[in-house]
Amino acid sequence: TLAWKTGDNEMEQMMNTFSSNFALSPQGNPVEIDGIVYQVF
C-alpha cells in the first residue's frame, strides 16, 4: 500500500503514470482516512 497526504495533487497524478514488469496494479479506489490517502497495489 502506498500513502500520501490528502490534497497532494502531484501524487494523485503519479498514480496514473506507473509501469510494472510484475503486473502490479491498483486494487480498488484510493481511500482517505484522517488526512492520508491509501492506494493498494
PDB file of all heavy atoms in Angstrom:
ATOM      1  N   THR A   1       0.845  -1.193   0.000  1.00  0.00           N
ATOM      2  CA  THR A   1       0.000   0.000   0.000  1.00  0.00           C
ATOM      3  C   THR A   1       0.880   1.243   0.000  1.00  0.00           C
ATOM      4  O   THR A   1       1.795   1.353   0.817  1.00  0.00           O
ATOM      5  CB  THR A   1      -0.918   0.027   1.234  1.00  0.00           C
ATOM      6  OG1 THR A   1      -1.829  -1.069   1.162  1.00  0.00           O
ATOM      7  CG2 THR A   1      -1.724   1.317   1.283  1.00  0.00           C
ATOM      8  N   LEU A   2       0.609   2.150  -0.916  1.00  0.00           N
ATOM      9  CA  LEU A   2       1.280   3.439  -0.952  1.00  0.00           C
ATOM     10  C   LEU A   2       0.374   4.485  -0.310  1.00  0.00           C
ATOM     11  O   LEU A   2      -0.850   4.392  -0.386  1.00  0.00           O
ATOM     12  CB  LEU A   2       1.613   3.838  -2.383  1.00  0.00           C
ATOM     13  CG  LEU A   2       2.557   2.890  -3.127  1.00  0.00           C
ATOM     14  CD1 LEU A   2       2.854   3.423  -4.519  1.00  0.00           C
ATOM     15  CD2 LEU A   2       3.847   2.671  -2.351  1.00  0.00           C
ATOM     16  N   ALA A   3       0.991   5.485   0.312  1.00  0.00           N
ATOM     17  CA  ALA A   3       0.214   6.509   1.016  1.00  0.00           C
ATOM     18  C   ALA A   3       0.810   7.883   0.779  1.00  0.00           C
ATOM     19  O   ALA A   3       2.022   8.029   0.572  1.00  0.00           O
ATOM     20  CB  ALA A   3       0.182   6.201   2.514  1.00  0.00           C
ATOM     21  N   TRP A   4      -0.044   8.888   0.785  1.00  0.00           N
ATOM     22  CA  TRP A   4       0.381  10.270   0.655  1.00  0.00           C
ATOM     23  C   TRP A   4      -0.649  11.152   1.346  1.00  0.00           C
ATOM     24  O   TRP A   4      -1.760  10.701   1.665  1.00  0.00           O
ATOM     25  CB  TRP A   4       0.547  10.664  -0.815  1.00  0.00           C
ATOM     26  CG  TRP A   4      -0.701  10.568  -1.629  1.00  0.00           C
ATOM     27  CD1 TRP A   4      -1.610  11.558  -1.897  1.00  0.00           C
ATOM     28  CD2 TRP A   4      -1.214   9.406  -2.314  1.00  0.00           C
ATOM     29  NE1 TRP A   4      -2.636  11.110  -2.691  1.00  0.00           N
ATOM     30  CE2 TRP A   4      -2.424   9.780  -2.965  1.00  0.00           C
ATOM     31  CE3 TRP A   4      -0.764   8.093  -2.441  1.00  0.00           C
ATOM     32  CZ2 TRP A   4      -3.168   8.886  -3.707  1.00  0.00           C
ATOM     33  CZ3 TRP A   4      -1.513   7.192  -3.185  1.00  0.00           C
ATOM     34  CH2 TRP A   4      -2.697   7.594  -3.805  1.00  0.00           C
ATOM     35  N   LYS A   5      -0.293  12.395   1.574  1.00  0.00           N
ATOM     36  CA  LYS A   5      -1.185  13.303   2.292  1.00  0.00           C
ATOM     37  C   LYS A   5      -2.322  13.790   1.385  1.00  0.00           C
ATOM     38  O   LYS A   5      -2.116  14.050   0.199  1.00  0.00           O
ATOM     39  CB  LYS A   5      -0.401  14.500   2.828  1.00  0.00           C
ATOM     40  CG  LYS A   5       0.580  14.139   3.939  1.00  0.00           C
ATOM     41  CD  LYS A   5       1.293  15.367   4.471  1.00  0.00           C
ATOM     42  CE  LYS A   5       2.258  14.990   5.589  1.00  0.00           C
ATOM     43  NZ  LYS A   5       2.975  16.176   6.129  1.00  0.00           N
ATOM     44  N   THR A   6      -3.496  13.906   1.972  1.00  0.00           N
ATOM     45  CA  THR A   6      -4.657  14.419   1.253  1.00  0.00           C
ATOM     46  C   THR A   6      -4.351  15.808   0.676  1.00  0.00           C
ATOM     47  O   THR A   6      -3.754  16.648   1.349  1.00  0.00           O
ATOM     48  CB  THR A   6      -5.860  14.522   2.199  1.00  0.00           C
ATOM     49  OG1 THR A   6      -6.138  13.234   2.732  1.00  0.00           O
ATOM     50  CG2 THR A   6      -7.082  15.043   1.469  1.00  0.00           C
ATOM     51  N   GLY A   7      -4.744  16.027  -0.570  1.00  0.00           N
ATOM     52  CA  GLY A   7      -4.534  17.312  -1.205  1.00  0.00           C
ATOM     53  C   GLY A   7      -3.262  17.424  -2.009  1.00  0.00           C
ATOM     54  O   GLY A   7      -3.033  18.449  -2.654  1.00  0.00           O
ATOM     55  N   ASP A   8      -2.413  16.378  -1.993  1.00  0.00           N
ATOM     56  CA  ASP A   8      -1.183  16.398  -2.785  1.00  0.00           C
ATOM     57  C   ASP A   8      -1.535  15.940  -4.201  1.00  0.00           C
ATOM     58  O   ASP A   8      -1.506  14.753  -4.525  1.00  0.00           O
ATOM     59  CB  ASP A   8      -0.134  15.479  -2.161  1.00  0.00           C
ATOM     60  CG  ASP A   8       1.259  15.697  -2.748  1.00  0.00           C
ATOM     61  OD1 ASP A   8       1.343  16.100  -3.930  1.00  0.00           O
ATOM     62  OD2 ASP A   8       2.251  15.477  -2.033  1.00  0.00           O
ATOM     63  N   ASN A   9      -1.883  16.889  -5.039  1.00  0.00           N
ATOM     64  CA  ASN A   9      -2.366  16.574  -6.378  1.00  0.00           C
ATOM     65  C   ASN A   9      -1.318  15.893  -7.244  1.00  0.00           C
ATOM     66  O   ASN A   9      -1.647  15.089  -8.123  1.00  0.00           O
ATOM     67  CB  ASN A   9      -2.865  17.849  -7.068  1.00  0.00           C
ATOM     68  CG  ASN A   9      -4.077  18.441  -6.379  1.00  0.00           C
ATOM     69  OD1 ASN A   9      -4.890  17.715  -5.812  1.00  0.00           O
ATOM     70  ND2 ASN A   9      -4.205  19.766  -6.416  1.00  0.00           N
ATOM     71  N   GLU A  10      -0.033  16.216  -7.023  1.00  0.00           N
ATOM     72  CA  GLU A  10       1.019  15.598  -7.833  1.00  0.00           C
ATOM     73  C   GLU A  10       1.086  14.099  -7.576  1.00  0.00           C
ATOM     74  O   GLU A  10       1.301  13.308  -8.498  1.00  0.00           O
ATOM     75  CB  GLU A  10       2.371  16.247  -7.538  1.00  0.00           C
ATOM     76  CG  GLU A  10       3.453  15.852  -8.526  1.00  0.00           C
ATOM     77  CD  GLU A  10       4.681  16.737  -8.432  1.00  0.00           C
ATOM     78  OE1 GLU A  10       4.763  17.562  -7.503  1.00  0.00           O
ATOM     79  OE2 GLU A  10       5.565  16.596  -9.290  1.00  0.00           O
ATOM     80  N   MET A  11       0.890  13.698  -6.310  1.00  0.00           N
ATOM     81  CA  MET A  11       0.868  12.274  -6.007  1.00  0.00           C
ATOM     82  C   MET A  11      -0.343  11.607  -6.659  1.00  0.00           C
ATOM     83  O   MET A  11      -0.242  10.477  -7.165  1.00  0.00           O
ATOM     84  CB  MET A  11       0.823  12.046  -4.497  1.00  0.00           C
ATOM     85  CG  MET A  11       2.060  12.494  -3.733  1.00  0.00           C
ATOM     86  SD  MET A  11       3.590  11.702  -4.317  1.00  0.00           S
ATOM     87  CE  MET A  11       4.270  13.014  -5.342  1.00  0.00           C
ATOM     88  N   GLU A  12      -1.477  12.286  -6.649  1.00  0.00           N
ATOM     89  CA  GLU A  12      -2.672  11.751  -7.300  1.00  0.00           C
ATOM     90  C   GLU A  12      -2.396  11.482  -8.779  1.00  0.00           C
ATOM     91  O   GLU A  12      -2.756  10.431  -9.319  1.00  0.00           O
ATOM     92  CB  GLU A  12      -3.829  12.746  -7.162  1.00  0.00           C
ATOM     93  CG  GLU A  12      -4.248  13.049  -5.737  1.00  0.00           C
ATOM     94  CD  GLU A  12      -5.267  12.065  -5.194  1.00  0.00           C
ATOM     95  OE1 GLU A  12      -5.620  11.121  -5.939  1.00  0.00           O
ATOM     96  OE2 GLU A  12      -5.697  12.240  -4.046  1.00  0.00           O
ATOM     97  N   GLN A  13      -1.732  12.424  -9.442  1.00  0.00           N
ATOM     98  CA  GLN A  13      -1.438  12.285 -10.860  1.00  0.00           C
ATOM     99  C   GLN A  13      -0.436  11.166 -11.117  1.00  0.00           C
ATOM    100  O   GLN A  13      -0.539  10.434 -12.109  1.00  0.00           O
ATOM    101  CB  GLN A  13      -0.905  13.605 -11.410  1.00  0.00           C
ATOM    102  CG  GLN A  13      -1.929  14.735 -11.392  1.00  0.00           C
ATOM    103  CD  GLN A  13      -1.330  16.069 -11.773  1.00  0.00           C
ATOM    104  OE1 GLN A  13      -0.146  16.169 -12.109  1.00  0.00           O
ATOM    105  NE2 GLN A  13      -2.141  17.117 -11.713  1.00  0.00           N
ATOM    106  N   MET A  14       0.543  11.021 -10.204  1.00  0.00           N
ATOM    107  CA  MET A  14       1.547   9.980 -10.388  1.00  0.00           C
ATOM    108  C   MET A  14       0.950   8.583 -10.367  1.00  0.00           C
ATOM    109  O   MET A  14       1.489   7.654 -10.988  1.00  0.00           O
ATOM    110  CB  MET A  14       2.632  10.092  -9.313  1.00  0.00           C
ATOM    111  CG  MET A  14       3.692  11.133  -9.599  1.00  0.00           C
ATOM    112  SD  MET A  14       4.953  11.187  -8.309  1.00  0.00           S
ATOM    113  CE  MET A  14       5.544   9.491  -8.296  1.00  0.00           C
ATOM    114  N   MET A  15      -0.156   8.403  -9.656  1.00  0.00           N
ATOM    115  CA  MET A  15      -0.786   7.094  -9.611  1.00  0.00           C
ATOM    116  C   MET A  15      -1.268   6.632 -10.982  1.00  0.00           C
ATOM    117  O   MET A  15      -1.543   5.454 -11.192  1.00  0.00           O
ATOM    118  CB  MET A  15      -1.961   7.103  -8.626  1.00  0.00           C
ATOM    119  CG  MET A  15      -1.580   7.297  -7.169  1.00  0.00           C
ATOM    120  SD  MET A  15      -0.446   6.026  -6.518  1.00  0.00           S
ATOM    121  CE  MET A  15       1.085   6.985  -6.389  1.00  0.00           C
ATOM    122  N   ASN A  16      -1.357   7.572 -11.933  1.00  0.00           N
ATOM    123  CA  ASN A  16      -1.796   7.235 -13.290  1.00  0.00           C
ATOM    124  C   ASN A  16      -0.632   7.115 -14.270  1.00  0.00           C
ATOM    125  O   ASN A  16      -0.852   6.914 -15.467  1.00  0.00           O
ATOM    126  CB  ASN A  16      -2.774   8.299 -13.799  1.00  0.00           C
ATOM    127  CG  ASN A  16      -4.028   8.386 -12.952  1.00  0.00           C
ATOM    128  OD1 ASN A  16      -4.582   7.374 -12.566  1.00  0.00           O
ATOM    129  ND2 ASN A  16      -4.459   9.606 -12.657  1.00  0.00           N
ATOM    130  N   THR A  17       0.596   7.245 -13.790  1.00  0.00           N
ATOM    131  CA  THR A  17       1.754   7.232 -14.689  1.00  0.00           C
ATOM    132  C   THR A  17       2.727   6.136 -14.314  1.00  0.00           C
ATOM    133  O   THR A  17       3.927   6.270 -14.506  1.00  0.00           O
ATOM    134  CB  THR A  17       2.481   8.584 -14.670  1.00  0.00           C
ATOM    135  OG1 THR A  17       2.981   8.843 -13.332  1.00  0.00           O
ATOM    136  CG2 THR A  17       1.562   9.713 -15.099  1.00  0.00           C
ATOM    137  N   PHE A  18       2.219   5.028 -13.781  1.00  0.00           N
ATOM    138  CA  PHE A  18       3.111   3.966 -13.319  1.00  0.00           C
ATOM    139  C   PHE A  18       3.311   2.899 -14.400  1.00  0.00           C
ATOM    140  O   PHE A  18       2.530   2.767 -15.347  1.00  0.00           O
ATOM    141  CB  PHE A  18       2.540   3.307 -12.055  1.00  0.00           C
ATOM    142  CG  PHE A  18       1.302   2.492 -12.300  1.00  0.00           C
ATOM    143  CD1 PHE A  18       1.392   1.144 -12.605  1.00  0.00           C
ATOM    144  CD2 PHE A  18       0.053   3.073 -12.236  1.00  0.00           C
ATOM    145  CE1 PHE A  18       0.259   0.389 -12.845  1.00  0.00           C
ATOM    146  CE2 PHE A  18      -1.091   2.331 -12.464  1.00  0.00           C
ATOM    147  CZ  PHE A  18      -0.984   0.981 -12.780  1.00  0.00           C
ATOM    148  N   SER A  19       4.388   2.130 -14.229  1.00  0.00           N
ATOM    149  CA  SER A  19       4.617   0.942 -15.051  1.00  0.00           C
ATOM    150  C   SER A  19       5.154  -0.152 -14.144  1.00  0.00           C
ATOM    151  O   SER A  19       5.761   0.123 -13.106  1.00  0.00           O
ATOM    152  CB  SER A  19       5.612   1.235 -16.184  1.00  0.00           C
ATOM    153  OG  SER A  19       6.863   1.649 -15.661  1.00  0.00           O
ATOM    154  N   SER A  20       4.922  -1.402 -14.510  1.00  0.00           N
ATOM    155  CA  SER A  20       5.357  -2.515 -13.684  1.00  0.00           C
ATOM    156  C   SER A  20       5.609  -3.746 -14.538  1.00  0.00           C
ATOM    157  O   SER A  20       4.724  -4.174 -15.283  1.00  0.00           O
ATOM    158  CB  SER A  20       4.322  -2.842 -12.605  1.00  0.00           C
ATOM    159  OG  SER A  20       4.675  -4.017 -11.891  1.00  0.00           O
ATOM    160  N   ASN A  21       6.809  -4.316 -14.415  1.00  0.00           N
ATOM    161  CA  ASN A  21       7.115  -5.572 -15.073  1.00  0.00           C
ATOM    162  C   ASN A  21       6.589  -6.761 -14.272  1.00  0.00           C
ATOM    163  O   ASN A  21       6.747  -7.910 -14.691  1.00  0.00           O
ATOM    164  CB  ASN A  21       8.625  -5.724 -15.265  1.00  0.00           C
ATOM    165  CG  ASN A  21       9.181  -4.730 -16.263  1.00  0.00           C
ATOM    166  OD1 ASN A  21       8.511  -4.376 -17.229  1.00  0.00           O
ATOM    167  ND2 ASN A  21      10.395  -4.264 -16.041  1.00  0.00           N
ATOM    168  N   PHE A  22       6.020  -6.488 -13.097  1.00  0.00           N
ATOM    169  CA  PHE A  22       5.490  -7.542 -12.246  1.00  0.00           C
ATOM    170  C   PHE A  22       3.961  -7.504 -12.181  1.00  0.00           C
ATOM    171  O   PHE A  22       3.364  -8.073 -11.272  1.00  0.00           O
ATOM    172  CB  PHE A  22       6.093  -7.438 -10.844  1.00  0.00           C
ATOM    173  CG  PHE A  22       7.492  -7.965 -10.786  1.00  0.00           C
ATOM    174  CD1 PHE A  22       8.548  -7.228 -11.302  1.00  0.00           C
ATOM    175  CD2 PHE A  22       7.767  -9.208 -10.238  1.00  0.00           C
ATOM    176  CE1 PHE A  22       9.845  -7.716 -11.276  1.00  0.00           C
ATOM    177  CE2 PHE A  22       9.056  -9.701 -10.205  1.00  0.00           C
ATOM    178  CZ  PHE A  22      10.105  -8.956 -10.722  1.00  0.00           C
ATOM    179  N   ALA A  23       3.348  -6.824 -13.140  1.00  0.00           N
ATOM    180  CA  ALA A  23       1.884  -6.768 -13.261  1.00  0.00           C
ATOM    181  C   ALA A  23       1.218  -6.160 -12.035  1.00  0.00           C
ATOM    182  O   ALA A  23       0.036  -6.419 -11.786  1.00  0.00           O
ATOM    183  CB  ALA A  23       1.308  -8.164 -13.542  1.00  0.00           C
ATOM    184  N   LEU A  24       1.940  -5.352 -11.275  1.00  0.00           N
ATOM    185  CA  LEU A  24       1.325  -4.655 -10.145  1.00  0.00           C
ATOM    186  C   LEU A  24       0.370  -3.590 -10.675  1.00  0.00           C
ATOM    187  O   LEU A  24       0.709  -2.826 -11.575  1.00  0.00           O
ATOM    188  CB  LEU A  24       2.391  -4.005  -9.273  1.00  0.00           C
ATOM    189  CG  LEU A  24       3.018  -4.872  -8.181  1.00  0.00           C
ATOM    190  CD1 LEU A  24       4.280  -4.227  -7.640  1.00  0.00           C
ATOM    191  CD2 LEU A  24       2.036  -5.112  -7.048  1.00  0.00           C
ATOM    192  N   SER A  25      -0.804  -3.526 -10.085  1.00  0.00           N
ATOM    193  CA  SER A  25      -1.777  -2.522 -10.484  1.00  0.00           C
ATOM    194  C   SER A  25      -2.652  -2.164  -9.288  1.00  0.00           C
ATOM    195  O   SER A  25      -2.754  -2.940  -8.326  1.00  0.00           O
ATOM    196  CB  SER A  25      -2.649  -3.037 -11.634  1.00  0.00           C
ATOM    197  OG  SER A  25      -3.357  -4.196 -11.252  1.00  0.00           O
ATOM    198  N   PRO A  26      -3.275  -0.990  -9.311  1.00  0.00           N
ATOM    199  CA  PRO A  26      -4.117  -0.578  -8.185  1.00  0.00           C
ATOM    200  C   PRO A  26      -5.284  -1.541  -7.976  1.00  0.00           C
ATOM    201  O   PRO A  26      -5.878  -2.043  -8.932  1.00  0.00           O
ATOM    202  CB  PRO A  26      -4.622   0.808  -8.607  1.00  0.00           C
ATOM    203  CG  PRO A  26      -3.641   1.275  -9.627  1.00  0.00           C
ATOM    204  CD  PRO A  26      -3.191   0.048 -10.348  1.00  0.00           C
ATOM    205  N   GLN A  27      -5.587  -1.803  -6.728  1.00  0.00           N
ATOM    206  CA  GLN A  27      -6.747  -2.617  -6.379  1.00  0.00           C
ATOM    207  C   GLN A  27      -7.774  -1.725  -5.703  1.00  0.00           C
ATOM    208  O   GLN A  27      -7.571  -1.260  -4.581  1.00  0.00           O
ATOM    209  CB  GLN A  27      -6.352  -3.764  -5.446  1.00  0.00           C
ATOM    210  CG  GLN A  27      -7.511  -4.701  -5.133  1.00  0.00           C
ATOM    211  CD  GLN A  27      -7.099  -5.829  -4.217  1.00  0.00           C
ATOM    212  OE1 GLN A  27      -6.454  -5.598  -3.217  1.00  0.00           O
ATOM    213  NE2 GLN A  27      -7.474  -7.046  -4.575  1.00  0.00           N
ATOM    214  N   GLY A  28      -8.878  -1.464  -6.412  1.00  0.00           N
ATOM    215  CA  GLY A  28      -9.888  -0.571  -5.880  1.00  0.00           C
ATOM    216  C   GLY A  28      -9.465   0.879  -5.982  1.00  0.00           C
ATOM    217  O   GLY A  28      -8.409   1.218  -6.517  1.00  0.00           O
ATOM    218  N   ASN A  29     -10.293   1.760  -5.448  1.00  0.00           N
ATOM    219  CA  ASN A  29     -10.024   3.185  -5.474  1.00  0.00           C
ATOM    220  C   ASN A  29      -9.225   3.612  -4.247  1.00  0.00           C
ATOM    221  O   ASN A  29      -9.233   2.926  -3.219  1.00  0.00           O
ATOM    222  CB  ASN A  29     -11.346   3.958  -5.509  1.00  0.00           C
ATOM    223  CG  ASN A  29     -12.120   3.697  -6.785  1.00  0.00           C
ATOM    224  OD1 ASN A  29     -11.540   3.617  -7.867  1.00  0.00           O
ATOM    225  ND2 ASN A  29     -13.437   3.554  -6.660  1.00  0.00           N
ATOM    226  N   PRO A  30      -8.520   4.745  -4.330  1.00  0.00           N
ATOM    227  CA  PRO A  30      -7.834   5.265  -3.139  1.00  0.00           C
ATOM    228  C   PRO A  30      -8.825   5.508  -2.008  1.00  0.00           C
ATOM    229  O   PRO A  30      -9.982   5.865  -2.246  1.00  0.00           O
ATOM    230  CB  PRO A  30      -7.216   6.578  -3.639  1.00  0.00           C
ATOM    231  CG  PRO A  30      -7.128   6.431  -5.122  1.00  0.00           C
ATOM    232  CD  PRO A  30      -8.306   5.597  -5.517  1.00  0.00           C
ATOM    233  N   VAL A  31      -8.356   5.304  -0.784  1.00  0.00           N
ATOM    234  CA  VAL A  31      -9.188   5.501   0.400  1.00  0.00           C
ATOM    235  C   VAL A  31      -8.551   6.574   1.273  1.00  0.00           C
ATOM    236  O   VAL A  31      -7.341   6.523   1.559  1.00  0.00           O
ATOM    237  CB  VAL A  31      -9.334   4.192   1.196  1.00  0.00           C
ATOM    238  CG1 VAL A  31     -10.123   4.426   2.482  1.00  0.00           C
ATOM    239  CG2 VAL A  31     -10.014   3.124   0.344  1.00  0.00           C
ATOM    240  N   GLU A  32      -9.332   7.551   1.702  1.00  0.00           N
ATOM    241  CA  GLU A  32      -8.829   8.645   2.532  1.00  0.00           C
ATOM    242  C   GLU A  32      -9.271   8.447   3.981  1.00  0.00           C
ATOM    243  O   GLU A  32     -10.460   8.253   4.264  1.00  0.00           O
ATOM    244  CB  GLU A  32      -9.346   9.987   2.016  1.00  0.00           C
ATOM    245  CG  GLU A  32      -8.853  11.173   2.825  1.00  0.00           C
ATOM    246  CD  GLU A  32      -9.404  12.491   2.317  1.00  0.00           C
ATOM    247  OE1 GLU A  32      -9.982  12.505   1.202  1.00  0.00           O
ATOM    248  OE2 GLU A  32      -9.279  13.501   3.033  1.00  0.00           O
ATOM    249  N   ILE A  33      -8.293   8.483   4.901  1.00  0.00           N
ATOM    250  CA  ILE A  33      -8.575   8.352   6.328  1.00  0.00           C
ATOM    251  C   ILE A  33      -7.679   9.321   7.088  1.00  0.00           C
ATOM    252  O   ILE A  33      -6.436   9.259   6.964  1.00  0.00           O
ATOM    253  CB  ILE A  33      -8.337   6.919   6.836  1.00  0.00           C
ATOM    254  CG1 ILE A  33      -9.252   5.923   6.117  1.00  0.00           C
ATOM    255  CG2 ILE A  33      -8.574   6.836   8.344  1.00  0.00           C
ATOM    256  CD1 ILE A  33      -9.026   4.487   6.522  1.00  0.00           C
ATOM    257  N   ASP A  34      -8.272  10.215   7.854  1.00  0.00           N
ATOM    258  CA  ASP A  34      -7.527  11.126   8.741  1.00  0.00           C
ATOM    259  C   ASP A  34      -6.419  11.885   8.015  1.00  0.00           C
ATOM    260  O   ASP A  34      -5.283  11.988   8.508  1.00  0.00           O
ATOM    261  CB  ASP A  34      -6.936  10.352   9.923  1.00  0.00           C
ATOM    262  CG  ASP A  34      -8.007   9.743  10.807  1.00  0.00           C
ATOM    263  OD1 ASP A  34      -9.110  10.322  10.883  1.00  0.00           O
ATOM    264  OD2 ASP A  34      -7.744   8.691  11.416  1.00  0.00           O
ATOM    265  N   GLY A  35      -6.729  12.400   6.825  1.00  0.00           N
ATOM    266  CA  GLY A  35      -5.776  13.230   6.102  1.00  0.00           C
ATOM    267  C   GLY A  35      -4.722  12.472   5.320  1.00  0.00           C
ATOM    268  O   GLY A  35      -3.794  13.079   4.775  1.00  0.00           O
ATOM    269  N   ILE A  36      -4.837  11.145   5.243  1.00  0.00           N
ATOM    270  CA  ILE A  36      -3.905  10.324   4.480  1.00  0.00           C
ATOM    271  C   ILE A  36      -4.694   9.535   3.444  1.00  0.00           C
ATOM    272  O   ILE A  36      -5.754   8.983   3.732  1.00  0.00           O
ATOM    273  CB  ILE A  36      -3.124   9.344   5.390  1.00  0.00           C
ATOM    274  CG1 ILE A  36      -2.364  10.106   6.473  1.00  0.00           C
ATOM    275  CG2 ILE A  36      -2.164   8.494   4.553  1.00  0.00           C
ATOM    276  CD1 ILE A  36      -1.279  11.022   5.952  1.00  0.00           C
ATOM    277  N   VAL A  37      -4.157   9.482   2.219  1.00  0.00           N
ATOM    278  CA  VAL A  37      -4.763   8.707   1.145  1.00  0.00           C
ATOM    279  C   VAL A  37      -3.970   7.412   0.971  1.00  0.00           C
ATOM    280  O   VAL A  37      -2.737   7.432   0.921  1.00  0.00           O
ATOM    281  CB  VAL A  37      -4.778   9.491  -0.183  1.00  0.00           C
ATOM    282  CG1 VAL A  37      -5.437   8.667  -1.288  1.00  0.00           C
ATOM    283  CG2 VAL A  37      -5.510  10.818  -0.009  1.00  0.00           C
ATOM    284  N   TYR A  38      -4.692   6.294   0.877  1.00  0.00           N
ATOM    285  CA  TYR A  38      -4.065   4.981   0.726  1.00  0.00           C
ATOM    286  C   TYR A  38      -4.484   4.354  -0.601  1.00  0.00           C
ATOM    287  O   TYR A  38      -5.656   4.395  -0.978  1.00  0.00           O
ATOM    288  CB  TYR A  38      -4.496   4.046   1.862  1.00  0.00           C
ATOM    289  CG  TYR A  38      -4.113   4.525   3.241  1.00  0.00           C
ATOM    290  CD1 TYR A  38      -4.998   5.284   3.998  1.00  0.00           C
ATOM    291  CD2 TYR A  38      -2.878   4.203   3.782  1.00  0.00           C
ATOM    292  CE1 TYR A  38      -4.655   5.722   5.270  1.00  0.00           C
ATOM    293  CE2 TYR A  38      -2.521   4.628   5.057  1.00  0.00           C
ATOM    294  CZ  TYR A  38      -3.413   5.390   5.794  1.00  0.00           C
ATOM    295  OH  TYR A  38      -3.071   5.826   7.051  1.00  0.00           O
ATOM    296  N   GLN A  39      -3.499   3.754  -1.300  1.00  0.00           N
ATOM    297  CA  GLN A  39      -3.781   3.026  -2.532  1.00  0.00           C
ATOM    298  C   GLN A  39      -3.069   1.680  -2.486  1.00  0.00           C
ATOM    299  O   GLN A  39      -1.844   1.622  -2.390  1.00  0.00           O
ATOM    300  CB  GLN A  39      -3.336   3.805  -3.762  1.00  0.00           C
ATOM    301  CG  GLN A  39      -3.542   3.060  -5.078  1.00  0.00           C
ATOM    302  CD  GLN A  39      -5.014   2.797  -5.379  1.00  0.00           C
ATOM    303  OE1 GLN A  39      -5.767   3.714  -5.668  1.00  0.00           O
ATOM    304  NE2 GLN A  39      -5.439   1.545  -5.319  1.00  0.00           N
ATOM    305  N   VAL A  40      -3.847   0.611  -2.556  1.00  0.00           N
ATOM    306  CA  VAL A  40      -3.287  -0.740  -2.547  1.00  0.00           C
ATOM    307  C   VAL A  40      -2.886  -1.138  -3.967  1.00  0.00           C
ATOM    308  O   VAL A  40      -3.632  -0.894  -4.928  1.00  0.00           O
ATOM    309  CB  VAL A  40      -4.314  -1.746  -1.990  1.00  0.00           C
ATOM    310  CG1 VAL A  40      -3.752  -3.164  -2.025  1.00  0.00           C
ATOM    311  CG2 VAL A  40      -4.708  -1.364  -0.563  1.00  0.00           C
ATOM    312  N   PHE A  41      -1.693  -1.746  -4.117  1.00  0.00           N
ATOM    313  CA  PHE A  41      -1.239  -2.336  -5.371  1.00  0.00           C
ATOM    314  C   PHE A  41      -1.058  -3.831  -5.151  1.00  0.00           C
ATOM    315  O   PHE A  41      -0.463  -4.255  -4.148  1.00  0.00           O
ATOM    316  CB  PHE A  41       0.087  -1.722  -5.828  1.00  0.00           C
ATOM    317  CG  PHE A  41      -0.049  -0.378  -6.468  1.00  0.00           C
ATOM    318  CD1 PHE A  41      -0.208   0.765  -5.691  1.00  0.00           C
ATOM    319  CD2 PHE A  41      -0.013  -0.238  -7.851  1.00  0.00           C
ATOM    320  CE1 PHE A  41      -0.329   2.017  -6.277  1.00  0.00           C
ATOM    321  CE2 PHE A  41      -0.136   1.011  -8.444  1.00  0.00           C
ATOM    322  CZ  PHE A  41      -0.293   2.143  -7.661  1.00  0.00           C
TER     323      PHE A  41
END
